[in-house]
């Protein structure tokens, strides 16, 4: 009997297409019986933001970060050819025509497959994000927890 393989992904990017790639790899690895963790840090945390506006107490800078960052996976821009926000609409239309799974559905699939979705607590503090603003049933940890997972990882990716 072989031991469980572990895949760890740091999702640093806030780009829709890069987050999509991370979640496609994560879901694929989970389908091959890997234990998978996606550690969301900096702009990658936007993939975990709830779509709706959550009222929480914030200082001025935290409010500004909240307004500048996309609220939820579906509002993230793409890395190339963003075209003042029109690019994501175009790519989502192309994806729909090719029956590609959109990012919010990939995130749901990841949760169904029990992929560990981890929000970086240090980055949350820096950007003024609070647990109430992020998806339910995710984990919260710092870099030490990620490093512990990465040490045992068979696959470690930075996206």
N, C-alpha and C. Protein backbone atom coordinates (compact mmCIF):
# COMPACT_ATOMS: atom_id res chain seq x y z
N UNK A 1 0.84 -1.19 0.00
CA UNK A 1 0.00 0.00 0.00
C UNK A 1 0.88 1.24 0.00
N UNK A 2 0.67 2.14 -0.93
CA UNK A 2 1.51 3.33 -1.01
C UNK A 2 0.96 4.44 -0.13
N UNK A 3 1.87 5.32 0.30
CA UNK A 3 1.42 6.44 1.12
C UNK A 3 0.75 7.49 0.25
N UNK A 4 -0.08 8.30 0.88
CA UNK A 4 -0.80 9.35 0.17
C UNK A 4 0.16 10.40 -0.36
N UNK A 5 0.00 10.74 -1.61
CA UNK A 5 0.81 11.82 -2.19
C UNK A 5 0.17 13.14 -1.82
N UNK A 6 1.02 14.17 -1.67
CA UNK A 6 0.53 15.48 -1.26
C UNK A 6 0.90 16.53 -2.30
N UNK A 7 -0.10 17.33 -2.66
CA UNK A 7 0.10 18.44 -3.57
C UNK A 7 -0.23 19.72 -2.83
N UNK A 8 0.69 20.68 -2.88
CA UNK A 8 0.51 21.97 -2.23
C UNK A 8 0.65 23.07 -3.28
N UNK A 9 -0.29 23.99 -3.27
CA UNK A 9 -0.27 25.09 -4.21
C UNK A 9 -0.36 26.40 -3.43
N UNK A 10 0.57 27.31 -3.71
CA UNK A 10 0.44 28.67 -3.19
C UNK A 10 -0.25 29.46 -4.29
N UNK A 11 -1.43 30.00 -3.99
CA UNK A 11 -2.11 30.86 -4.96
C UNK A 11 -1.88 32.30 -4.52
N UNK A 12 -0.94 32.95 -5.17
CA UNK A 12 -0.55 34.33 -4.90
C UNK A 12 -1.28 35.28 -5.84
N UNK A 13 -1.55 34.82 -7.04
CA UNK A 13 -2.13 35.66 -8.09
C UNK A 13 -3.62 35.89 -7.86
N UNK A 14 -4.07 37.08 -8.21
CA UNK A 14 -5.48 37.41 -8.18
C UNK A 14 -6.09 37.40 -9.56
N UNK A 15 -5.41 36.80 -10.53
CA UNK A 15 -5.91 36.73 -11.89
C UNK A 15 -6.82 35.51 -12.06
N UNK A 16 -7.97 35.72 -12.69
CA UNK A 16 -8.96 34.67 -12.89
C UNK A 16 -8.35 33.44 -13.56
N UNK A 17 -7.60 33.66 -14.64
CA UNK A 17 -7.04 32.54 -15.40
C UNK A 17 -6.00 31.76 -14.59
N UNK A 18 -5.20 32.45 -13.80
CA UNK A 18 -4.19 31.76 -12.98
C UNK A 18 -4.84 31.02 -11.82
N UNK A 19 -5.87 31.62 -11.23
CA UNK A 19 -6.60 30.93 -10.16
C UNK A 19 -7.30 29.69 -10.73
N UNK A 20 -7.82 29.83 -11.96
CA UNK A 20 -8.46 28.70 -12.62
C UNK A 20 -7.48 27.54 -12.81
N UNK A 21 -6.27 27.88 -13.27
CA UNK A 21 -5.24 26.86 -13.45
C UNK A 21 -4.93 26.16 -12.13
N UNK A 22 -4.82 26.94 -11.06
CA UNK A 22 -4.53 26.36 -9.74
C UNK A 22 -5.62 25.39 -9.33
N UNK A 23 -6.87 25.79 -9.54
CA UNK A 23 -7.99 24.93 -9.13
C UNK A 23 -8.17 23.72 -10.05
N UNK A 24 -7.84 23.86 -11.33
CA UNK A 24 -7.89 22.70 -12.23
C UNK A 24 -6.85 21.67 -11.80
N UNK A 25 -5.64 22.13 -11.51
CA UNK A 25 -4.58 21.22 -11.05
C UNK A 25 -4.97 20.59 -9.72
N UNK A 26 -5.49 21.40 -8.80
CA UNK A 26 -5.87 20.89 -7.49
C UNK A 26 -6.95 19.83 -7.59
N UNK A 27 -7.99 20.11 -8.38
CA UNK A 27 -9.07 19.13 -8.53
C UNK A 27 -8.58 17.86 -9.23
N UNK A 28 -7.69 18.02 -10.20
CA UNK A 28 -7.11 16.85 -10.87
C UNK A 28 -6.28 16.01 -9.92
N UNK A 29 -5.47 16.67 -9.10
CA UNK A 29 -4.64 15.94 -8.13
C UNK A 29 -5.52 15.21 -7.12
N UNK A 30 -6.58 15.87 -6.67
CA UNK A 30 -7.49 15.23 -5.71
C UNK A 30 -8.17 14.01 -6.34
N UNK A 31 -8.50 14.10 -7.63
CA UNK A 31 -9.11 12.97 -8.33
C UNK A 31 -8.15 11.79 -8.41
N UNK A 32 -6.83 12.08 -8.35
CA UNK A 32 -5.82 11.02 -8.34
C UNK A 32 -5.38 10.69 -6.91
N UNK A 33 -6.26 10.95 -5.97
CA UNK A 33 -6.07 10.59 -4.56
C UNK A 33 -4.91 11.31 -3.88
N UNK A 34 -4.56 12.51 -4.35
CA UNK A 34 -3.59 13.32 -3.63
C UNK A 34 -4.32 14.07 -2.53
N UNK A 35 -3.63 14.29 -1.43
CA UNK A 35 -4.11 15.21 -0.41
C UNK A 35 -3.67 16.60 -0.88
N UNK A 36 -4.61 17.51 -1.09
CA UNK A 36 -4.31 18.79 -1.73
C UNK A 36 -4.60 19.96 -0.80
N UNK A 37 -3.68 20.91 -0.79
CA UNK A 37 -3.86 22.17 -0.07
C UNK A 37 -3.59 23.31 -1.02
N UNK A 38 -4.50 24.29 -1.04
CA UNK A 38 -4.25 25.54 -1.75
C UNK A 38 -4.13 26.62 -0.68
N UNK A 39 -2.95 27.20 -0.59
CA UNK A 39 -2.66 28.26 0.37
C UNK A 39 -2.82 29.59 -0.35
N UNK A 40 -3.89 30.31 -0.02
CA UNK A 40 -4.23 31.58 -0.68
C UNK A 40 -3.57 32.73 0.07
N UNK A 41 -2.73 33.48 -0.64
CA UNK A 41 -2.07 34.61 -0.01
C UNK A 41 -2.14 35.82 -0.94
N UNK A 42 -1.98 36.99 -0.38
CA UNK A 42 -2.09 38.27 -1.10
C UNK A 42 -3.28 38.24 -2.05
N UNK A 43 -3.09 38.50 -3.33
CA UNK A 43 -4.22 38.68 -4.24
C UNK A 43 -4.98 37.38 -4.48
N UNK A 44 -4.37 36.25 -4.21
CA UNK A 44 -5.05 34.97 -4.33
C UNK A 44 -6.21 34.83 -3.35
N UNK A 45 -6.18 35.62 -2.26
CA UNK A 45 -7.29 35.60 -1.30
C UNK A 45 -8.61 36.04 -1.94
N UNK A 46 -8.55 36.81 -3.02
CA UNK A 46 -9.78 37.27 -3.67
C UNK A 46 -10.62 36.11 -4.19
N UNK A 47 -10.01 34.98 -4.49
CA UNK A 47 -10.76 33.80 -4.94
C UNK A 47 -11.66 33.28 -3.82
N UNK A 48 -11.31 33.58 -2.57
CA UNK A 48 -12.08 33.11 -1.43
C UNK A 48 -13.09 34.13 -0.91
N UNK A 49 -13.07 35.34 -1.48
CA UNK A 49 -14.01 36.37 -1.00
C UNK A 49 -15.43 36.03 -1.41
N UNK A 50 -16.37 36.29 -0.52
CA UNK A 50 -17.78 36.14 -0.84
C UNK A 50 -18.16 37.21 -1.85
N UNK A 51 -19.15 36.91 -2.69
CA UNK A 51 -19.61 37.84 -3.72
C UNK A 51 -20.32 39.05 -3.12
N UNK A 52 -21.07 38.81 -2.05
CA UNK A 52 -21.87 39.89 -1.49
C UNK A 52 -21.04 40.77 -0.55
N UNK A 53 -21.52 41.98 -0.35
CA UNK A 53 -20.85 42.91 0.56
C UNK A 53 -21.17 42.52 2.00
N UNK A 54 -20.15 42.26 2.78
CA UNK A 54 -20.32 41.89 4.18
C UNK A 54 -19.93 43.11 5.02
N UNK A 55 -20.80 43.54 5.89
CA UNK A 55 -20.52 44.71 6.71
C UNK A 55 -19.69 44.29 7.93
N UNK A 56 -18.45 44.77 7.96
CA UNK A 56 -17.55 44.54 9.09
C UNK A 56 -16.84 45.85 9.40
N UNK A 57 -16.40 45.99 10.62
CA UNK A 57 -15.72 47.22 11.03
C UNK A 57 -14.29 47.22 10.47
N UNK A 58 -13.94 48.32 9.76
CA UNK A 58 -12.61 48.44 9.16
C UNK A 58 -12.13 49.88 9.30
N UNK A 59 -10.79 50.03 9.30
CA UNK A 59 -10.24 51.38 9.27
C UNK A 59 -10.23 51.87 7.82
N UNK A 60 -9.81 53.10 7.59
CA UNK A 60 -9.85 53.71 6.26
C UNK A 60 -9.07 52.91 5.22
N UNK A 61 -7.83 52.53 5.55
CA UNK A 61 -6.99 51.79 4.59
C UNK A 61 -7.61 50.43 4.27
N UNK A 62 -8.12 49.74 5.28
CA UNK A 62 -8.76 48.44 5.06
C UNK A 62 -9.99 48.58 4.17
N UNK A 63 -10.76 49.66 4.36
CA UNK A 63 -11.92 49.91 3.50
C UNK A 63 -11.49 50.13 2.05
N UNK A 64 -10.38 50.86 1.88
CA UNK A 64 -9.89 51.14 0.51
C UNK A 64 -9.44 49.85 -0.17
N UNK A 65 -8.70 48.98 0.55
CA UNK A 65 -8.30 47.69 -0.02
C UNK A 65 -9.55 46.91 -0.42
N UNK A 66 -10.54 46.90 0.45
CA UNK A 66 -11.78 46.17 0.18
C UNK A 66 -12.48 46.65 -1.08
N UNK A 67 -12.44 47.95 -1.32
CA UNK A 67 -13.10 48.51 -2.51
C UNK A 67 -12.28 48.27 -3.78
N UNK A 68 -10.96 48.22 -3.67
CA UNK A 68 -10.10 48.05 -4.84
C UNK A 68 -9.99 46.60 -5.29
N UNK A 69 -10.17 45.67 -4.36
CA UNK A 69 -10.02 44.26 -4.70
C UNK A 69 -11.35 43.69 -5.17
N UNK A 70 -11.32 42.74 -6.11
CA UNK A 70 -12.56 42.13 -6.57
C UNK A 70 -13.22 41.32 -5.47
N UNK A 71 -14.54 41.38 -5.43
CA UNK A 71 -15.30 40.64 -4.42
C UNK A 71 -15.76 39.33 -5.03
N UNK A 72 -15.00 38.28 -4.79
CA UNK A 72 -15.37 36.96 -5.27
C UNK A 72 -14.65 36.54 -6.53
N UNK A 73 -14.58 35.24 -6.72
CA UNK A 73 -13.84 34.64 -7.84
C UNK A 73 -14.34 35.11 -9.20
N UNK A 74 -15.63 35.32 -9.33
CA UNK A 74 -16.18 35.67 -10.63
C UNK A 74 -15.84 37.09 -11.07
N UNK A 75 -15.40 37.92 -10.15
CA UNK A 75 -15.09 39.32 -10.50
C UNK A 75 -13.59 39.56 -10.70
N UNK A 76 -12.79 38.51 -10.63
CA UNK A 76 -11.34 38.65 -10.81
C UNK A 76 -11.03 38.94 -12.28
N UNK A 77 -10.02 39.77 -12.54
CA UNK A 77 -9.59 40.07 -13.90
C UNK A 77 -8.71 38.96 -14.44
N UNK A 78 -8.34 39.05 -15.71
CA UNK A 78 -7.44 38.05 -16.28
C UNK A 78 -6.05 38.66 -16.44
N UNK A 79 -5.05 37.81 -16.57
CA UNK A 79 -3.65 38.27 -16.54
C UNK A 79 -3.23 39.00 -17.81
N UNK A 80 -3.77 38.63 -18.93
CA UNK A 80 -3.43 39.25 -20.22
C UNK A 80 -4.73 39.64 -20.92
N UNK A 81 -4.66 40.65 -21.73
CA UNK A 81 -5.82 41.09 -22.52
C UNK A 81 -7.05 41.40 -21.67
N UNK A 82 -6.85 42.10 -20.56
CA UNK A 82 -7.97 42.45 -19.69
C UNK A 82 -8.91 43.45 -20.36
N UNK A 83 -8.38 44.30 -21.23
CA UNK A 83 -9.17 45.27 -22.01
C UNK A 83 -10.16 46.05 -21.15
N UNK A 84 -9.64 46.69 -20.12
CA UNK A 84 -10.45 47.54 -19.22
C UNK A 84 -11.65 46.78 -18.65
N UNK A 85 -11.46 45.50 -18.37
CA UNK A 85 -12.51 44.70 -17.76
C UNK A 85 -13.34 43.89 -18.73
N UNK A 86 -13.17 44.12 -20.04
CA UNK A 86 -13.95 43.37 -21.03
C UNK A 86 -13.36 41.98 -21.28
N UNK A 87 -12.06 41.81 -21.04
CA UNK A 87 -11.38 40.53 -21.26
C UNK A 87 -12.00 39.36 -20.50
N UNK A 88 -12.30 39.53 -19.20
CA UNK A 88 -12.91 38.41 -18.47
C UNK A 88 -14.25 37.97 -19.07
N UNK A 89 -15.04 38.92 -19.55
CA UNK A 89 -16.32 38.58 -20.17
C UNK A 89 -16.08 37.75 -21.43
N UNK A 90 -15.09 38.16 -22.23
CA UNK A 90 -14.77 37.42 -23.46
C UNK A 90 -14.31 36.00 -23.14
N UNK A 91 -13.39 35.87 -22.18
CA UNK A 91 -12.85 34.54 -21.87
C UNK A 91 -13.93 33.64 -21.26
N UNK A 92 -14.81 34.20 -20.45
CA UNK A 92 -15.90 33.40 -19.86
C UNK A 92 -16.86 32.93 -20.95
N UNK A 93 -17.09 33.77 -21.97
CA UNK A 93 -17.94 33.40 -23.09
C UNK A 93 -17.31 32.26 -23.88
N UNK A 94 -16.01 32.36 -24.14
CA UNK A 94 -15.29 31.30 -24.86
C UNK A 94 -15.32 30.00 -24.04
N UNK A 95 -15.12 30.13 -22.73
CA UNK A 95 -15.15 28.95 -21.85
C UNK A 95 -16.51 28.26 -21.90
N UNK A 96 -17.56 29.06 -21.88
CA UNK A 96 -18.92 28.51 -21.92
C UNK A 96 -19.15 27.74 -23.21
N UNK A 97 -18.68 28.29 -24.33
CA UNK A 97 -18.84 27.63 -25.63
C UNK A 97 -18.10 26.30 -25.69
N UNK A 98 -17.01 26.20 -24.91
CA UNK A 98 -16.20 24.98 -24.90
C UNK A 98 -16.50 24.10 -23.69
N UNK A 99 -17.58 24.43 -22.98
CA UNK A 99 -18.00 23.67 -21.79
C UNK A 99 -16.92 23.57 -20.72
N UNK A 100 -16.10 24.62 -20.60
CA UNK A 100 -15.10 24.66 -19.53
C UNK A 100 -15.78 25.07 -18.23
N UNK A 101 -15.32 24.52 -17.15
CA UNK A 101 -15.92 24.80 -15.84
C UNK A 101 -15.43 26.15 -15.34
N UNK A 102 -16.34 27.07 -14.99
CA UNK A 102 -15.92 28.38 -14.49
C UNK A 102 -15.31 28.29 -13.09
N UNK A 103 -14.50 29.28 -12.75
CA UNK A 103 -13.77 29.28 -11.49
C UNK A 103 -14.66 29.07 -10.25
N UNK A 104 -15.80 29.76 -10.10
CA UNK A 104 -16.61 29.50 -8.90
C UNK A 104 -17.02 28.03 -8.76
N UNK A 105 -17.30 27.37 -9.89
CA UNK A 105 -17.66 25.95 -9.85
C UNK A 105 -16.45 25.08 -9.50
N UNK A 106 -15.26 25.47 -9.98
CA UNK A 106 -14.04 24.74 -9.62
C UNK A 106 -13.77 24.83 -8.12
N UNK A 107 -14.06 26.00 -7.54
CA UNK A 107 -13.89 26.17 -6.09
C UNK A 107 -14.88 25.28 -5.34
N UNK A 108 -16.13 25.24 -5.81
CA UNK A 108 -17.13 24.34 -5.19
C UNK A 108 -16.67 22.89 -5.29
N UNK A 109 -16.17 22.49 -6.46
CA UNK A 109 -15.68 21.11 -6.65
C UNK A 109 -14.55 20.81 -5.68
N UNK A 110 -13.65 21.79 -5.49
CA UNK A 110 -12.53 21.60 -4.57
C UNK A 110 -13.04 21.35 -3.15
N UNK A 111 -14.05 22.10 -2.75
CA UNK A 111 -14.60 21.90 -1.41
C UNK A 111 -15.27 20.54 -1.31
N UNK A 112 -15.97 20.11 -2.36
CA UNK A 112 -16.61 18.79 -2.37
C UNK A 112 -15.58 17.68 -2.28
N UNK A 113 -14.40 17.89 -2.89
CA UNK A 113 -13.33 16.88 -2.86
C UNK A 113 -12.46 16.99 -1.61
N UNK A 114 -12.88 17.86 -0.69
CA UNK A 114 -12.16 18.06 0.58
C UNK A 114 -10.73 18.54 0.39
N UNK A 115 -10.54 19.38 -0.63
CA UNK A 115 -9.26 20.07 -0.80
C UNK A 115 -9.17 21.12 0.29
N UNK A 116 -8.02 21.21 0.93
CA UNK A 116 -7.83 22.17 2.00
C UNK A 116 -7.63 23.56 1.41
N UNK A 117 -8.62 24.42 1.57
CA UNK A 117 -8.53 25.79 1.11
C UNK A 117 -8.13 26.63 2.31
N UNK A 118 -6.92 27.19 2.24
CA UNK A 118 -6.35 27.89 3.39
C UNK A 118 -6.16 29.36 3.05
N UNK A 119 -6.63 30.22 3.95
CA UNK A 119 -6.42 31.66 3.82
C UNK A 119 -5.25 32.06 4.72
N UNK A 120 -4.31 32.81 4.17
CA UNK A 120 -3.14 33.27 4.92
C UNK A 120 -3.57 34.37 5.90
N UNK A 121 -3.43 34.09 7.18
CA UNK A 121 -3.89 35.03 8.20
C UNK A 121 -3.06 36.32 8.23
N UNK A 122 -1.76 36.23 7.95
CA UNK A 122 -0.94 37.44 7.94
C UNK A 122 -1.40 38.38 6.83
N UNK A 123 -1.66 37.83 5.65
CA UNK A 123 -2.12 38.65 4.54
C UNK A 123 -3.51 39.21 4.82
N UNK A 124 -4.36 38.42 5.45
CA UNK A 124 -5.69 38.91 5.82
C UNK A 124 -5.54 40.15 6.70
N UNK A 125 -4.62 40.09 7.66
CA UNK A 125 -4.38 41.24 8.54
C UNK A 125 -3.88 42.44 7.74
N UNK A 126 -2.93 42.21 6.83
CA UNK A 126 -2.37 43.30 6.03
C UNK A 126 -3.42 43.98 5.16
N UNK A 127 -4.30 43.19 4.56
CA UNK A 127 -5.29 43.72 3.63
C UNK A 127 -6.61 44.07 4.31
N UNK A 128 -6.71 43.78 5.60
CA UNK A 128 -7.93 44.10 6.33
C UNK A 128 -9.10 43.19 6.02
N UNK A 129 -8.83 41.97 5.58
CA UNK A 129 -9.90 41.00 5.31
C UNK A 129 -10.24 40.26 6.60
N UNK A 130 -11.52 40.03 6.80
CA UNK A 130 -11.98 39.33 8.00
C UNK A 130 -12.67 38.03 7.60
N UNK A 131 -12.69 37.07 8.52
CA UNK A 131 -13.25 35.75 8.22
C UNK A 131 -14.66 35.81 7.66
N UNK A 132 -15.45 36.76 8.14
CA UNK A 132 -16.84 36.88 7.68
C UNK A 132 -16.92 37.20 6.19
N UNK A 133 -15.86 37.78 5.63
CA UNK A 133 -15.86 38.16 4.22
C UNK A 133 -15.45 37.03 3.29
N UNK A 134 -14.94 35.95 3.87
CA UNK A 134 -14.45 34.83 3.06
C UNK A 134 -15.44 33.67 3.10
N UNK A 135 -15.28 32.75 2.15
CA UNK A 135 -16.16 31.60 2.05
C UNK A 135 -16.20 30.81 3.35
N UNK A 136 -17.32 30.15 3.56
CA UNK A 136 -17.46 29.27 4.72
C UNK A 136 -16.65 28.00 4.50
N UNK A 137 -16.34 27.34 5.58
CA UNK A 137 -15.66 26.03 5.56
C UNK A 137 -14.29 26.06 4.90
N UNK A 138 -13.53 27.13 5.16
CA UNK A 138 -12.13 27.16 4.74
C UNK A 138 -11.29 27.20 6.01
N UNK A 139 -9.98 27.05 5.83
CA UNK A 139 -9.08 27.05 6.97
C UNK A 139 -8.29 28.36 7.00
N UNK A 140 -7.74 28.66 8.16
CA UNK A 140 -6.93 29.87 8.34
C UNK A 140 -5.61 29.45 8.96
N UNK A 141 -4.51 29.93 8.37
CA UNK A 141 -3.19 29.54 8.87
C UNK A 141 -2.15 30.53 8.40
N UNK A 142 -0.99 30.44 9.00
CA UNK A 142 0.13 31.28 8.61
C UNK A 142 1.14 30.49 7.79
N UNK A 143 2.24 31.13 7.51
CA UNK A 143 3.26 30.54 6.65
C UNK A 143 3.87 29.28 7.26
N UNK A 144 3.96 29.20 8.58
CA UNK A 144 4.53 28.00 9.21
C UNK A 144 3.72 26.76 8.88
N UNK A 145 2.40 26.90 8.86
CA UNK A 145 1.54 25.77 8.51
C UNK A 145 1.75 25.37 7.06
N UNK A 146 1.87 26.37 6.17
CA UNK A 146 2.13 26.05 4.77
C UNK A 146 3.46 25.31 4.64
N UNK A 147 4.50 25.81 5.29
CA UNK A 147 5.82 25.19 5.20
C UNK A 147 5.80 23.74 5.70
N UNK A 148 5.03 23.49 6.74
CA UNK A 148 4.91 22.11 7.25
C UNK A 148 4.28 21.21 6.18
N UNK A 149 3.24 21.72 5.50
CA UNK A 149 2.62 20.95 4.42
C UNK A 149 3.58 20.77 3.25
N UNK A 150 4.29 21.84 2.89
CA UNK A 150 5.19 21.80 1.75
C UNK A 150 6.35 20.84 1.96
N UNK A 151 6.80 20.74 3.20
CA UNK A 151 7.91 19.84 3.52
C UNK A 151 7.58 18.39 3.17
N UNK A 152 6.31 18.02 3.35
CA UNK A 152 5.87 16.66 3.07
C UNK A 152 5.31 16.52 1.65
N UNK A 153 5.32 17.60 0.90
CA UNK A 153 4.67 17.59 -0.41
C UNK A 153 5.46 16.87 -1.48
N UNK A 154 4.73 16.17 -2.33
CA UNK A 154 5.31 15.56 -3.51
C UNK A 154 5.33 16.55 -4.66
N UNK A 155 4.32 17.44 -4.67
CA UNK A 155 4.21 18.47 -5.69
C UNK A 155 3.97 19.79 -4.96
N UNK A 156 4.80 20.80 -5.25
CA UNK A 156 4.63 22.13 -4.65
C UNK A 156 4.66 23.14 -5.79
N UNK A 157 3.61 23.91 -5.92
CA UNK A 157 3.48 24.88 -7.00
C UNK A 157 3.23 26.27 -6.46
N UNK A 158 3.75 27.26 -7.17
CA UNK A 158 3.53 28.67 -6.84
C UNK A 158 2.87 29.32 -8.04
N UNK A 159 1.62 29.77 -7.86
CA UNK A 159 0.87 30.34 -8.99
C UNK A 159 0.43 31.75 -8.62
